Protein backbone atom coordinates (compact mmCIF):
# COMPACT_ATOMS: atom_id res chain seq x y z
CA UNK A 1 -33.98 1.05 8.77
CA UNK A 2 -36.31 1.64 5.85
CA UNK A 3 -36.00 0.86 2.14
CA UNK A 4 -34.64 3.79 0.15
CA UNK A 5 -34.59 4.05 -3.65
CA UNK A 6 -31.71 6.23 -4.75
CA UNK A 7 -32.29 8.61 -7.61
CA UNK A 8 -29.21 9.20 -9.70
CA UNK A 9 -25.74 7.71 -9.80
CA UNK A 10 -24.56 9.21 -6.52
CA UNK A 11 -27.36 7.84 -4.31
CA UNK A 12 -27.40 4.31 -2.92
CA UNK A 13 -30.54 2.19 -2.98
CA UNK A 14 -30.99 0.45 0.37
CA UNK A 15 -33.10 -2.43 1.64
CA UNK A 16 -34.18 -2.85 5.25
CA UNK A 17 -31.73 -5.03 7.16
CA UNK A 18 -28.64 -4.34 5.05
CA UNK A 19 -25.39 -3.44 6.79
CA UNK A 20 -23.93 -0.22 5.41
CA UNK A 21 -20.31 0.74 6.03
CA UNK A 22 -20.31 4.42 6.91
CA UNK A 23 -17.54 6.47 5.33
CA UNK A 24 -18.39 10.07 6.21
CA UNK A 25 -21.09 12.64 6.87
CA UNK A 26 -21.87 14.67 3.73
CA UNK A 27 -24.03 17.26 5.53
CA UNK A 28 -26.53 17.42 8.40
CA UNK A 29 -28.97 15.02 6.67
CA UNK A 30 -26.90 12.83 4.33
CA UNK A 31 -24.22 10.17 4.85
CA UNK A 32 -21.82 8.41 2.50
CA UNK A 33 -21.36 4.67 2.78
CA UNK A 34 -20.75 1.36 1.04
CA UNK A 35 -23.17 -1.52 0.53
CA UNK A 36 -23.05 -4.42 -1.99
CA UNK A 37 -19.75 -3.15 -3.49
CA UNK A 38 -21.28 0.28 -4.26
CA UNK A 39 -20.39 3.55 -2.61
CA UNK A 40 -22.82 6.45 -2.53
CA UNK A 41 -24.89 8.78 -0.41
CA UNK A 42 -28.18 8.24 1.41
CA UNK A 43 -30.36 10.13 3.92
CA UNK A 44 -29.54 9.51 7.57
CA UNK A 45 -33.25 9.34 8.43
CA UNK A 46 -33.55 5.98 6.58
CA UNK A 47 -30.95 4.15 8.68
CA UNK A 48 -30.18 3.27 12.26
CA UNK A 49 -26.54 3.91 13.09
CA UNK A 50 -25.21 1.12 15.29
CA UNK A 51 -21.64 2.41 15.32
CA UNK A 52 -20.72 6.08 15.03
CA UNK A 53 -18.55 7.33 12.21
CA UNK A 54 -14.82 6.89 12.88
CA UNK A 55 -13.32 9.91 14.61
CA UNK A 56 -16.75 11.30 15.50
CA UNK A 57 -17.03 13.12 18.80
CA UNK A 58 -20.60 14.40 18.48
CA UNK A 59 -23.98 13.07 19.58
CA UNK A 60 -25.18 13.66 16.01
CA UNK A 61 -23.45 10.49 14.84
CA UNK A 62 -25.98 8.17 16.47
CA UNK A 63 -24.05 7.39 19.64
CA UNK A 64 -22.02 9.27 22.19
CA UNK A 65 -18.45 8.09 21.78
CA UNK A 66 -17.59 9.37 25.27
CA UNK A 67 -20.21 7.12 26.88
CA UNK A 68 -18.68 3.92 25.56
CA UNK A 69 -17.82 1.52 28.33
CA UNK A 70 -14.12 0.91 28.94
CA UNK A 71 -12.80 -2.23 27.28
CA UNK A 72 -15.60 -2.36 24.68
CA UNK A 73 -14.11 -2.41 21.21
CA UNK A 74 -15.57 -0.99 18.02
CA UNK A 75 -17.17 -3.09 15.31
CA UNK A 76 -15.00 -4.15 12.41
CA UNK A 77 -16.31 -5.80 9.28
CA UNK A 78 -15.02 -8.76 7.33
CA UNK A 79 -16.10 -9.35 3.74
CA UNK A 80 -16.45 -13.06 3.00
CA UNK A 81 -17.62 -15.04 -0.01
CA UNK A 82 -18.99 -18.56 -0.28
CA UNK A 83 -18.04 -19.87 -3.73
CA UNK A 84 -20.35 -22.67 -4.88
CA UNK A 85 -21.26 -24.12 -8.30
CA UNK A 86 -24.67 -22.38 -8.13
CA UNK A 87 -23.13 -18.96 -7.45
CA UNK A 88 -21.39 -16.69 -4.96
CA UNK A 89 -22.92 -15.71 -1.63
CA UNK A 90 -21.35 -12.50 -0.27
CA UNK A 91 -21.58 -11.57 3.40
CA UNK A 92 -20.27 -8.68 5.45
CA UNK A 93 -19.64 -10.01 8.93
CA UNK A 94 -19.42 -7.46 11.74
CA UNK A 95 -17.27 -8.49 14.67
CA UNK A 96 -16.56 -6.70 17.91
CA UNK A 97 -12.80 -6.71 17.40
CA UNK A 98 -10.18 -4.16 16.45
CA UNK A 99 -8.84 -4.27 12.89
CA UNK A 100 -5.35 -5.00 14.25
CA UNK A 101 -6.58 -8.24 15.84
CA UNK A 102 -5.49 -11.34 13.94
CA UNK A 103 -7.88 -14.27 14.36
CA UNK A 104 -6.69 -17.86 14.48
CA UNK A 105 -7.41 -20.36 11.74
CA UNK A 106 -9.85 -22.26 13.97
CA UNK A 107 -11.71 -19.03 14.90
CA UNK A 108 -12.14 -18.16 11.22
CA UNK A 109 -13.19 -21.70 10.29
CA UNK A 110 -15.75 -21.86 13.09
CA UNK A 111 -17.14 -18.42 12.26
CA UNK A 112 -17.49 -19.21 8.54
CA UNK A 113 -19.27 -22.48 9.34
CA UNK A 114 -21.74 -20.51 11.45
CA UNK A 115 -22.20 -17.73 8.89
CA UNK A 116 -22.77 -19.95 5.85
CA UNK A 117 -24.28 -22.97 7.67
CA UNK A 118 -21.96 -25.34 5.79
CA UNK A 119 -19.57 -27.67 7.63
CA UNK A 120 -17.29 -29.17 4.95
CA UNK A 121 -15.53 -25.95 3.91
CA UNK A 122 -12.06 -24.66 3.11
CA UNK A 123 -10.84 -21.12 3.80
CA UNK A 124 -8.99 -19.21 1.11
CA UNK A 125 -7.68 -15.75 0.26
CA UNK A 126 -6.65 -14.11 -3.00
CA UNK A 127 -2.94 -13.54 -3.51
CA UNK A 128 -1.62 -10.40 -5.28
CA UNK A 129 -1.94 -12.19 -8.65
CA UNK A 130 -5.63 -12.91 -8.00
CA UNK A 131 -5.28 -16.65 -7.43
CA UNK A 132 -7.02 -18.39 -4.54
CA UNK A 133 -4.69 -19.73 -1.85
CA UNK A 134 -6.02 -22.31 0.62
CA UNK A 135 -5.55 -21.50 4.30
CA UNK A 136 -4.56 -24.56 6.35
CA UNK A 137 -3.29 -23.16 9.66
CA UNK A 138 -2.39 -20.07 11.71
CA UNK A 139 0.78 -19.49 9.66
CA UNK A 140 -1.34 -19.17 6.51
CA UNK A 141 -3.59 -16.65 8.29
CA UNK A 142 -0.47 -14.65 9.22
CA UNK A 143 0.68 -14.77 5.58
CA UNK A 144 -2.75 -13.60 4.36
CA UNK A 145 -2.72 -10.64 6.77
CA UNK A 146 0.88 -9.77 5.88
CA UNK A 147 0.17 -9.89 2.12
CA UNK A 148 -2.91 -7.68 2.54
CA UNK A 149 -0.82 -5.06 4.35
CA UNK A 150 2.16 -5.34 1.98
CA UNK A 151 0.17 -5.29 -1.26
CA UNK A 152 -2.41 -2.59 -0.59
CA UNK A 153 -5.66 -3.51 -2.30
CA UNK A 154 -6.93 -1.39 -5.16
CA UNK A 155 -10.41 -1.86 -3.72
CA UNK A 156 -11.75 1.17 -1.84
CA UNK A 157 -12.68 -0.18 1.58
CA UNK A 158 -14.55 1.43 4.45
CA UNK A 159 -12.23 2.41 7.31
CA UNK A 160 -13.75 -0.25 9.58
CA UNK A 161 -13.27 -3.15 7.14
CA UNK A 162 -10.42 -5.65 7.36
CA UNK A 163 -7.90 -5.23 4.51
CA UNK A 164 -8.30 -8.92 3.62
CA UNK A 165 -11.26 -11.02 2.53
CA UNK A 166 -12.10 -14.68 3.04
CA UNK A 167 -13.16 -16.86 0.12
CA UNK A 168 -14.90 -19.96 1.42
CA UNK A 169 -15.14 -23.02 -0.81
CA UNK A 170 -16.32 -26.58 -0.36
CA UNK A 171 -13.39 -28.71 0.84
CA UNK A 172 -13.79 -31.10 -2.06
CA UNK A 173 -13.88 -28.38 -4.77
CA UNK A 174 -10.38 -28.05 -6.18
CA UNK A 175 -11.54 -26.47 -9.45
CA UNK A 176 -11.28 -22.98 -7.93
CA UNK A 177 -7.48 -23.12 -7.83
CA UNK A 178 -5.19 -22.04 -10.65
CA UNK A 179 -3.15 -25.13 -11.44
CA UNK A 180 -1.52 -23.89 -14.67
CA UNK A 181 2.22 -23.31 -14.68
């Protein structure tokens, strides 16, 4: 991938190494995608497609869907945030799992510790009112997934992104929770 400076409101500016969520092919040379909470278009020649567009059957999408080995799943992406006093660190984590797969609490905790390189963390999600809810076990993960499906997000997400997001905080930081009645 190469850096690309978008000109105009419709074009994305890209930096080498960023993960872009592909949404669709605009024409033979341009793609539409999402990066850093912005959606726009960019030239295909500036990126390396590691996963073809959903529903694509052609070689033009960067990979031959028909040549995929049996049992190999597509990449799905999870948006996660590390909330710290000095700021928010946003990551898009690509996992080789289907969007319908529900991870366990321990899998999520372990993965977030690896991603953010912080051990003493708590996992959270935002409820429909926008408040952070701490995740303590597998039942809470099930509730998070259920709420994300029941209360469709107003956020436009790429088709390969989980409908829920993880908000990671330091275990000792209770200031992030709404405690007003």
